Amino acid sequence: MRQQKVLTAAALALMLVLATVIPGLAQSTTKKLSTNFTLVNLGSSTATGIASYYKPDGTAWGDGEESFTINDPLGQLIFRQYYPAGELGNPSLTDGNGSVVVLADQPLAAVVQIQARGQDPTTNGAYSGFDGGDTSFYVPLVARKLSTASGLGNSQIIVQNTGEIPAAIEIEMINADATSRYIKTSTVQPGASFYYDLDLESAANVPDNWYGSAVARTTTVDASIAVVSNFFTGHAMQTFNGFSSTSPGTEFFAPLFTARLANSLSTVIAVQNLSGGPIPAGGVEVSCTPDPGLTGYDPLTMYNTAEIGDTASYFFNPVTDLTIPAGFYGACRINSGSADIVSFVQMRFIAQGEAAAYEAIPAGGTAGQAIIPLMAKRLSNGFATVATIQNKTASTIYVDLTYMPSAEYTGSSTPVQINGVEIGPYGSLLQNLRTVDGVTDLPAGWYGSLTVTSQGGEAIDSFVQLTFARFINPSIPSGDNFMAHNGFTQ
């Protein structure tokens, strides 16, 4: 790859799927979408790197690449594909979709935002970048022209070639009863991405009003891929990462679960069975603990009420399951006994038609530091974030939080340190930058990155909500102003 002319063989890579202004990335939405991505330096010294841009056919996109430097450990840079040519994030890119491979001499983390900028109603989504590929990925929810309460549901599955040789790929659609529906095939060049839009698929292959799950794989020896899914319902978009072949486990965390809140937010926990056989009714337990700030609610336990076939998915849905008490919110553990599963969480503001998604967090691990590349407090355009930190242990822990201002931030360049914050057993901690009194150490207009470190080295993880709030900026367009993505650990 051309980046190796500049960086050493020890360079670390990130893979990202991007778009400049393009009608809907394909046909699942009529919006014109564009992207930006944020990199955060996870290393101990200055990070120097190159971002290489690819069209879907594997040829150079625009000038093909641009160099960058992130001076401070935990510092970040924002690359905007909608900026004028020559500015960071747009090395003379033409309108269209494509992908990026980022190489650097320090470890990095990245988050990508997908936005229908300047459009009313609008659409927004976000996902975390990949630091490597795999031979196969699972997508627990896929739909084609599905009737939903928020509008017609369509999936777009994006497969990026993360290796250095052309990769033959196949995307298998799986019915709700675990039988195979259809297989889409293609060949993807190194660094490039294949965009599979279910709205464009023939009804003879995948019928209208269909939903199920999917497996994307490469059939080329020594090739590797990464997978992102966009799930559109009307103006809303839920963007989430596919799950690699090493992801399945028997226990996961959902740091934030809500049921019919006053603001209409409900979260749906999707569980895909990857055990090789059926999971019987009652085989998956979801145990939820009320948030420490919530009074009058008892712990909640839910079980799957129907068998889950192999590779099929089951949904714990507080929108339709009225046995789940309205107003409940807290953190949940998902346990499937000895059966391997993966899980993700759909977040839906039913009244506003807004939606987002994040991947459930696997139990175990030893990472005592969680990193969120982009945090913002009440920016003038209405943008603000809410981070949720998950305690993955059965003990009370204490964490230290470091808010590192962006290099672009014009206020104080001094990091803000908040130490000794308590998180209960298997509990979660909210850092809410949407409200005036949330994290009062930060002024309105602040933006940068957040690093959370457990004082005793206990395992933690995180996810973040990114929102454009009308109560901050009343001129924000209608539609989907809501995004979410997982944080990073090290």
Foldseek 3Di string as FASTA:
>chain_A
DVFCVPDPPPWFKWKWKFFDFDQPLDPQHRFGKGKKKKKFFQFQAKKKKKKAWAEFQGDGFAVGMDIDIAGHHRAMDMAGCHDDDPDRNHVPGDGHIKMIMMIIPTDMWMKMKMWRPPDFVIEIAMEIIDRAFAFKFKFQKAAEQADDLLAGKWKKKKKAWQDQAKWKKKKWFAAQQRHTQAIDIDITHHSIMDIDIRNPDDCVRPNHNGMWMMMMGTPDPPITIWMKMWMDGHLYIAIYTTGHPPRWDFKFKDQKAAACAPLQKGKKKKKFFAQQAKQAWQQKKKWWDFAPVDPDDHIDIDTHRGIGGHRTMDMDTNVPPPVPDHNGMWMIMIGRDGTIIWIKMKIASSVQSAIYIETTGGADDQFQKWKDFKAAALALQQKGKKKKKWQRAQAKFWKKKWFQFHPPQPDDRDIDIDTGHIAGGRGMDMQGRNDCPGPVVDHHGTMGMMMMGIPVSGDMWMKMKIFRDCVSPVVNHGGHRIYMYTIDTD
